[in-house]
Amino acid sequence: MIRYRCRHCETEIGEIPLDSAEDVMSRLQLHAKDDSGNYMTVDPEGGTTISCICEECQKSLNRNPDYYALQKWLQ
């Protein structure tokens, strides 16, 4: 299972049901970072979570470009 979650507001964006998410991710060659150094994390059951950005947070960043300098801008 691959889950997409907003790295700013923690909203669950969507999910893709797959048996071997880690294998698929390696084939897609996704390499990125979040606060801990990874945009992609694999849980003990083999599910994968990808930290990305939701539409609402992207709109906020477009309106307030100075937010890009902040690690976490939602409190």
PDB file of N, CA and C in Angstrom:
ATOM      1  N   MET A   1       0.853  -1.172   0.000  1.00  0.00           N
ATOM      2  CA  MET A   1       0.000   0.000   0.000  1.00  0.00           C
ATOM      3  C   MET A   1       0.900   1.236   0.000  1.00  0.00           C
ATOM      4  N   ILE A   2       0.648   2.142  -0.900  1.00  0.00           N
ATOM      5  CA  ILE A   2       1.355   3.418  -0.919  1.00  0.00           C
ATOM      6  C   ILE A   2       0.364   4.494  -0.510  1.00  0.00           C
ATOM      7  N   ARG A   3       0.702   5.237   0.536  1.00  0.00           N
ATOM      8  CA  ARG A   3      -0.149   6.327   1.012  1.00  0.00           C
ATOM      9  C   ARG A   3       0.543   7.654   0.721  1.00  0.00           C
ATOM     10  N   TYR A   4      -0.247   8.633   0.302  1.00  0.00           N
ATOM     11  CA  TYR A   4       0.262   9.990   0.086  1.00  0.00           C
ATOM     12  C   TYR A   4      -0.302  10.879   1.176  1.00  0.00           C
ATOM     13  N   ARG A   5       0.589  11.603   1.874  1.00  0.00           N
ATOM     14  CA  ARG A   5       0.185  12.455   2.989  1.00  0.00           C
ATOM     15  C   ARG A   5       0.884  13.806   2.843  1.00  0.00           C
ATOM     16  N   CYS A   6       0.136  14.882   3.115  1.00  0.00           N
ATOM     17  CA  CYS A   6       0.715  16.225   3.041  1.00  0.00           C
ATOM     18  C   CYS A   6       1.739  16.399   4.158  1.00  0.00           C
ATOM     19  N   ARG A   7       2.934  16.825   3.812  1.00  0.00           N
ATOM     20  CA  ARG A   7       3.993  16.986   4.813  1.00  0.00           C
ATOM     21  C   ARG A   7       3.792  18.233   5.663  1.00  0.00           C
ATOM     22  N   HIS A   8       2.853  19.101   5.284  1.00  0.00           N
ATOM     23  CA  HIS A   8       2.604  20.318   6.049  1.00  0.00           C
ATOM     24  C   HIS A   8       1.428  20.176   7.005  1.00  0.00           C
ATOM     25  N   CYS A   9       0.268  19.752   6.491  1.00  0.00           N
ATOM     26  CA  CYS A   9      -0.938  19.684   7.327  1.00  0.00           C
ATOM     27  C   CYS A   9      -1.292  18.254   7.745  1.00  0.00           C
ATOM     28  N   GLU A  10      -0.535  17.264   7.271  1.00  0.00           N
ATOM     29  CA  GLU A  10      -0.737  15.853   7.616  1.00  0.00           C
ATOM     30  C   GLU A  10      -2.031  15.258   7.037  1.00  0.00           C
ATOM     31  N   THR A  11      -2.658  15.929   6.078  1.00  0.00           N
ATOM     32  CA  THR A  11      -3.869  15.411   5.450  1.00  0.00           C
ATOM     33  C   THR A  11      -3.534  14.197   4.596  1.00  0.00           C
ATOM     34  N   GLU A  12      -4.350  13.152   4.722  1.00  0.00           N
ATOM     35  CA  GLU A  12      -4.198  11.970   3.870  1.00  0.00           C
ATOM     36  C   GLU A  12      -4.724  12.341   2.488  1.00  0.00           C
ATOM     37  N   ILE A  13      -3.866  12.315   1.482  1.00  0.00           N
ATOM     38  CA  ILE A  13      -4.235  12.737   0.130  1.00  0.00           C
ATOM     39  C   ILE A  13      -4.815  11.578  -0.665  1.00  0.00           C
ATOM     40  N   GLY A  14      -4.242  10.396  -0.508  1.00  0.00           N
ATOM     41  CA  GLY A  14      -4.751   9.242  -1.241  1.00  0.00           C
ATOM     42  C   GLY A  14      -3.878   8.032  -0.991  1.00  0.00           C
ATOM     43  N   GLU A  15      -4.258   6.920  -1.602  1.00  0.00           N
ATOM     44  CA  GLU A  15      -3.478   5.699  -1.456  1.00  0.00           C
ATOM     45  C   GLU A  15      -3.638   4.821  -2.682  1.00  0.00           C
ATOM     46  N   ILE A  16      -2.613   4.001  -2.900  1.00  0.00           N
ATOM     47  CA  ILE A  16      -2.600   3.064  -4.013  1.00  0.00           C
ATOM     48  C   ILE A  16      -2.388   1.675  -3.416  1.00  0.00           C
ATOM     49  N   PRO A  17      -3.322   0.751  -3.611  1.00  0.00           N
ATOM     50  CA  PRO A  17      -3.150  -0.597  -3.058  1.00  0.00           C
ATOM     51  C   PRO A  17      -2.185  -1.424  -3.908  1.00  0.00           C
ATOM     52  N   LEU A  18      -1.023  -1.709  -3.352  1.00  0.00           N
ATOM     53  CA  LEU A  18      -0.017  -2.526  -4.024  1.00  0.00           C
ATOM     54  C   LEU A  18       0.548  -3.533  -3.047  1.00  0.00           C
ATOM     55  N   ASP A  19       0.955  -4.685  -3.532  1.00  0.00           N
ATOM     56  CA  ASP A  19       1.536  -5.701  -2.665  1.00  0.00           C
ATOM     57  C   ASP A  19       2.965  -5.370  -2.267  1.00  0.00           C
ATOM     58  N   SER A  20       3.758  -4.865  -3.202  1.00  0.00           N
ATOM     59  CA  SER A  20       5.160  -4.592  -2.932  1.00  0.00           C
ATOM     60  C   SER A  20       5.467  -3.134  -3.229  1.00  0.00           C
ATOM     61  N   ALA A  21       5.047  -2.251  -2.337  1.00  0.00           N
ATOM     62  CA  ALA A  21       5.218  -0.817  -2.539  1.00  0.00           C
ATOM     63  C   ALA A  21       6.689  -0.439  -2.632  1.00  0.00           C
ATOM     64  N   GLU A  22       7.526  -1.061  -1.818  1.00  0.00           N
ATOM     65  CA  GLU A  22       8.948  -0.708  -1.826  1.00  0.00           C
ATOM     66  C   GLU A  22       9.575  -1.028  -3.183  1.00  0.00           C
ATOM     67  N   ASP A  23       9.220  -2.167  -3.771  1.00  0.00           N
ATOM     68  CA  ASP A  23       9.733  -2.548  -5.082  1.00  0.00           C
ATOM     69  C   ASP A  23       9.278  -1.554  -6.144  1.00  0.00           C
ATOM     70  N   VAL A  24       7.999  -1.169  -6.090  1.00  0.00           N
ATOM     71  CA  VAL A  24       7.471  -0.204  -7.051  1.00  0.00           C
ATOM     72  C   VAL A  24       8.199   1.125  -6.906  1.00  0.00           C
ATOM     73  N   MET A  25       8.433   1.556  -5.666  1.00  0.00           N
ATOM     74  CA  MET A  25       9.098   2.833  -5.438  1.00  0.00           C
ATOM     75  C   MET A  25      10.519   2.808  -5.988  1.00  0.00           C
ATOM     76  N   SER A  26      11.207   1.687  -5.846  1.00  0.00           N
ATOM     77  CA  SER A  26      12.563   1.609  -6.373  1.00  0.00           C
ATOM     78  C   SER A  26      12.546   1.639  -7.899  1.00  0.00           C
ATOM     79  N   ARG A  27      11.535   1.013  -8.494  1.00  0.00           N
ATOM     80  CA  ARG A  27      11.424   1.066  -9.951  1.00  0.00           C
ATOM     81  C   ARG A  27      11.113   2.472 -10.436  1.00  0.00           C
ATOM     82  N   LEU A  28      10.321   3.222  -9.658  1.00  0.00           N
ATOM     83  CA  LEU A  28      10.010   4.599 -10.027  1.00  0.00           C
ATOM     84  C   LEU A  28      11.166   5.547  -9.715  1.00  0.00           C
ATOM     85  N   GLN A  29      12.140   5.065  -8.966  1.00  0.00           N
ATOM     86  CA  GLN A  29      13.324   5.819  -8.579  1.00  0.00           C
ATOM     87  C   GLN A  29      12.969   7.112  -7.854  1.00  0.00           C
ATOM     88  N   LEU A  30      12.109   6.996  -6.836  1.00  0.00           N
ATOM     89  CA  LEU A  30      11.756   8.149  -6.019  1.00  0.00           C
ATOM     90  C   LEU A  30      12.797   8.315  -4.923  1.00  0.00           C
ATOM     91  N   HIS A  31      13.445   9.443  -4.897  1.00  0.00           N
ATOM     92  CA  HIS A  31      14.457   9.745  -3.897  1.00  0.00           C
ATOM     93  C   HIS A  31      14.233  11.182  -3.444  1.00  0.00           C
ATOM     94  N   ALA A  32      13.927  11.384  -2.175  1.00  0.00           N
ATOM     95  CA  ALA A  32      13.678  12.726  -1.664  1.00  0.00           C
ATOM     96  C   ALA A  32      13.801  12.723  -0.148  1.00  0.00           C
ATOM     97  N   LYS A  33      13.533  13.904   0.486  1.00  0.00           N
ATOM     98  CA  LYS A  33      13.719  14.026   1.937  1.00  0.00           C
ATOM     99  C   LYS A  33      12.554  14.745   2.608  1.00  0.00           C
ATOM    100  N   ASP A  34      12.328  14.418   3.902  1.00  0.00           N
ATOM    101  CA  ASP A  34      11.431  15.196   4.745  1.00  0.00           C
ATOM    102  C   ASP A  34      12.224  15.610   5.981  1.00  0.00           C
ATOM    103  N   ASP A  35      11.572  15.930   7.101  1.00  0.00           N
ATOM    104  CA  ASP A  35      12.262  16.372   8.314  1.00  0.00           C
ATOM    105  C   ASP A  35      13.296  15.357   8.789  1.00  0.00           C
ATOM    106  N   SER A  36      12.993  14.074   8.651  1.00  0.00           N
ATOM    107  CA  SER A  36      13.912  13.040   9.112  1.00  0.00           C
ATOM    108  C   SER A  36      14.871  12.588   8.014  1.00  0.00           C
ATOM    109  N   GLY A  37      14.776  13.184   6.839  1.00  0.00           N
ATOM    110  CA  GLY A  37      15.665  12.833   5.752  1.00  0.00           C
ATOM    111  C   GLY A  37      15.023  11.994   4.661  1.00  0.00           C
ATOM    112  N   ASN A  38      13.743  11.639   4.811  1.00  0.00           N
ATOM    113  CA  ASN A  38      13.069  10.812   3.798  1.00  0.00           C
ATOM    114  C   ASN A  38      11.687  11.336   3.483  1.00  0.00           C
ATOM    115  N   TYR A  39      11.358  11.462   2.196  1.00  0.00           N
ATOM    116  CA  TYR A  39       9.983  11.725   1.794  1.00  0.00           C
ATOM    117  C   TYR A  39       9.211  10.419   1.773  1.00  0.00           C
ATOM    118  N   MET A  40       9.918   9.327   1.644  1.00  0.00           N
ATOM    119  CA  MET A  40       9.284   8.015   1.565  1.00  0.00           C
ATOM    120  C   MET A  40       9.678   7.201   2.791  1.00  0.00           C
ATOM    121  N   THR A  41       8.679   6.692   3.524  1.00  0.00           N
ATOM    122  CA  THR A  41       8.949   5.833   4.673  1.00  0.00           C
ATOM    123  C   THR A  41       8.194   4.526   4.487  1.00  0.00           C
ATOM    124  N   VAL A  42       8.780   3.452   4.968  1.00  0.00           N
ATOM    125  CA  VAL A  42       8.171   2.125   4.878  1.00  0.00           C
ATOM    126  C   VAL A  42       7.862   1.664   6.295  1.00  0.00           C
ATOM    127  N   ASP A  43       6.596   1.299   6.557  1.00  0.00           N
ATOM    128  CA  ASP A  43       6.212   0.836   7.888  1.00  0.00           C
ATOM    129  C   ASP A  43       6.531  -0.653   8.041  1.00  0.00           C
ATOM    130  N   PRO A  44       6.452  -1.179   9.267  1.00  0.00           N
ATOM    131  CA  PRO A  44       6.805  -2.593   9.511  1.00  0.00           C
ATOM    132  C   PRO A  44       5.975  -3.595   8.707  1.00  0.00           C
ATOM    133  N   GLU A  45       4.751  -3.242   8.328  1.00  0.00           N
ATOM    134  CA  GLU A  45       3.904  -4.136   7.540  1.00  0.00           C
ATOM    135  C   GLU A  45       4.212  -4.064   6.058  1.00  0.00           C
ATOM    136  N   GLY A  46       5.145  -3.199   5.661  1.00  0.00           N
ATOM    137  CA  GLY A  46       5.525  -3.089   4.259  1.00  0.00           C
ATOM    138  C   GLY A  46       4.815  -1.993   3.497  1.00  0.00           C
ATOM    139  N   GLY A  47       3.916  -1.258   4.155  1.00  0.00           N
ATOM    140  CA  GLY A  47       3.250  -0.136   3.512  1.00  0.00           C
ATOM    141  C   GLY A  47       4.200   1.045   3.383  1.00  0.00           C
ATOM    142  N   THR A  48       3.977   1.869   2.384  1.00  0.00           N
ATOM    143  CA  THR A  48       4.836   3.014   2.128  1.00  0.00           C
ATOM    144  C   THR A  48       4.029   4.295   2.232  1.00  0.00           C
ATOM    145  N   THR A  49       4.603   5.309   2.887  1.00  0.00           N
ATOM    146  CA  THR A  49       3.982   6.628   2.952  1.00  0.00           C
ATOM    147  C   THR A  49       4.901   7.622   2.264  1.00  0.00           C
ATOM    148  N   ILE A  50       4.331   8.395   1.359  1.00  0.00           N
ATOM    149  CA  ILE A  50       5.082   9.424   0.655  1.00  0.00           C
ATOM    150  C   ILE A  50       4.587  10.780   1.140  1.00  0.00           C
ATOM    151  N   SER A  51       5.508  11.585   1.630  1.00  0.00           N
ATOM    152  CA  SER A  51       5.181  12.943   2.055  1.00  0.00           C
ATOM    153  C   SER A  51       5.257  13.855   0.842  1.00  0.00           C
ATOM    154  N   CYS A  52       4.156  14.543   0.572  1.00  0.00           N
ATOM    155  CA  CYS A  52       4.098  15.461  -0.560  1.00  0.00           C
ATOM    156  C   CYS A  52       3.350  16.708  -0.097  1.00  0.00           C
ATOM    157  N   ILE A  53       2.684  17.411  -0.968  1.00  0.00           N
ATOM    158  CA  ILE A  53       1.960  18.614  -0.573  1.00  0.00           C
ATOM    159  C   ILE A  53       0.558  18.579  -1.173  1.00  0.00           C
ATOM    160  N   CYS A  54      -0.427  18.935  -0.347  1.00  0.00           N
ATOM    161  CA  CYS A  54      -1.816  18.949  -0.824  1.00  0.00           C
ATOM    162  C   CYS A  54      -2.094  20.264  -1.564  1.00  0.00           C
ATOM    163  N   GLU A  55      -3.205  20.314  -2.255  1.00  0.00           N
ATOM    164  CA  GLU A  55      -3.554  21.495  -3.034  1.00  0.00           C
ATOM    165  C   GLU A  55      -3.722  22.738  -2.160  1.00  0.00           C
ATOM    166  N   GLU A  56      -4.333  22.588  -0.993  1.00  0.00           N
ATOM    167  CA  GLU A  56      -4.560  23.744  -0.120  1.00  0.00           C
ATOM    168  C   GLU A  56      -3.244  24.332   0.393  1.00  0.00           C
ATOM    169  N   CYS A  57      -2.319  23.469   0.786  1.00  0.00           N
ATOM    170  CA  CYS A  57      -1.018  23.956   1.258  1.00  0.00           C
ATOM    171  C   CYS A  57      -0.235  24.583   0.108  1.00  0.00           C
ATOM    172  N   GLN A  58      -0.349  24.006  -1.089  1.00  0.00           N
ATOM    173  CA  GLN A  58       0.329  24.591  -2.248  1.00  0.00           C
ATOM    174  C   GLN A  58      -0.223  25.980  -2.540  1.00  0.00           C
ATOM    175  N   LYS A  59      -1.537  26.156  -2.435  1.00  0.00           N
ATOM    176  CA  LYS A  59      -2.139  27.474  -2.637  1.00  0.00           C
ATOM    177  C   LYS A  59      -1.624  28.464  -1.602  1.00  0.00           C
ATOM    178  N   SER A  60      -1.513  28.022  -0.352  1.00  0.00           N
ATOM    179  CA  SER A  60      -0.983  28.891   0.710  1.00  0.00           C
ATOM    180  C   SER A  60       0.452  29.295   0.421  1.00  0.00           C
ATOM    181  N   LEU A  61       1.259  28.340  -0.030  1.00  0.00           N
ATOM    182  CA  LEU A  61       2.651  28.655  -0.367  1.00  0.00           C
ATOM    183  C   LEU A  61       2.732  29.613  -1.551  1.00  0.00           C
ATOM    184  N   ASN A  62       1.831  29.463  -2.513  1.00  0.00           N
ATOM    185  CA  ASN A  62       1.820  30.385  -3.655  1.00  0.00           C
ATOM    186  C   ASN A  62       1.469  31.801  -3.215  1.00  0.00           C
ATOM    187  N   ARG A  63       0.551  31.925  -2.250  1.00  0.00           N
ATOM    188  CA  ARG A  63       0.155  33.246  -1.740  1.00  0.00           C
ATOM    189  C   ARG A  63       1.197  33.829  -0.790  1.00  0.00           C
ATOM    190  N   ASN A  64       1.957  32.965  -0.123  1.00  0.00           N
ATOM    191  CA  ASN A  64       2.932  33.390   0.888  1.00  0.00           C
ATOM    192  C   ASN A  64       4.284  32.722   0.617  1.00  0.00           C
ATOM    193  N   PRO A  65       5.012  33.170  -0.391  1.00  0.00           N
ATOM    194  CA  PRO A  65       6.259  32.496  -0.760  1.00  0.00           C
ATOM    195  C   PRO A  65       7.323  32.499   0.343  1.00  0.00           C
ATOM    196  N   ASP A  66       7.200  33.385   1.319  1.00  0.00           N
ATOM    197  CA  ASP A  66       8.170  33.395   2.422  1.00  0.00           C
ATOM    198  C   ASP A  66       8.040  32.140   3.294  1.00  0.00           C
ATOM    199  N   TYR A  67       6.925  31.407   3.189  1.00  0.00           N
ATOM    200  CA  TYR A  67       6.760  30.161   3.938  1.00  0.00           C
ATOM    201  C   TYR A  67       7.775  29.098   3.518  1.00  0.00           C
ATOM    202  N   TYR A  68       8.291  29.209   2.282  1.00  0.00           N
ATOM    203  CA  TYR A  68       9.269  28.225   1.807  1.00  0.00           C
ATOM    204  C   TYR A  68      10.509  28.172   2.685  1.00  0.00           C
ATOM    205  N   ALA A  69      10.821  29.264   3.369  1.00  0.00           N
ATOM    206  CA  ALA A  69      12.005  29.317   4.234  1.00  0.00           C
ATOM    207  C   ALA A  69      11.788  28.577   5.550  1.00  0.00           C
ATOM    208  N   LEU A  70      10.532  28.255   5.880  1.00  0.00           N
ATOM    209  CA  LEU A  70      10.212  27.603   7.145  1.00  0.00           C
ATOM    210  C   LEU A  70      10.128  26.089   6.970  1.00  0.00           C
ATOM    211  N   GLN A  71      10.648  25.381   7.951  1.00  0.00           N
ATOM    212  CA  GLN A  71      10.585  23.921   7.915  1.00  0.00           C
ATOM    213  C   GLN A  71       9.143  23.437   8.111  1.00  0.00           C
ATOM    214  N   LYS A  72       8.463  23.949   9.124  1.00  0.00           N
ATOM    215  CA  LYS A  72       7.047  23.658   9.394  1.00  0.00           C
ATOM    216  C   LYS A  72       6.345  24.993   9.594  1.00  0.00           C
ATOM    217  N   TRP A  73       5.443  25.347   8.702  1.00  0.00           N
ATOM    218  CA  TRP A  73       4.786  26.642   8.812  1.00  0.00           C
ATOM    219  C   TRP A  73       3.365  26.545   9.330  1.00  0.00           C
ATOM    220  N   LEU A  74       2.807  25.361   9.471  1.00  0.00           N
ATOM    221  CA  LEU A  74       1.500  25.192  10.094  1.00  0.00           C
ATOM    222  C   LEU A  74       1.696  24.810  11.564  1.00  0.00           C
ATOM    223  N   GLN A  75       0.990  25.453  12.436  1.00  0.00           N
ATOM    224  CA  GLN A  75       1.117  25.178  13.873  1.00  0.00           C
ATOM    225  C   GLN A  75      -0.058  24.358  14.359  1.00  0.00           C
TER     226      GLN A  75
END
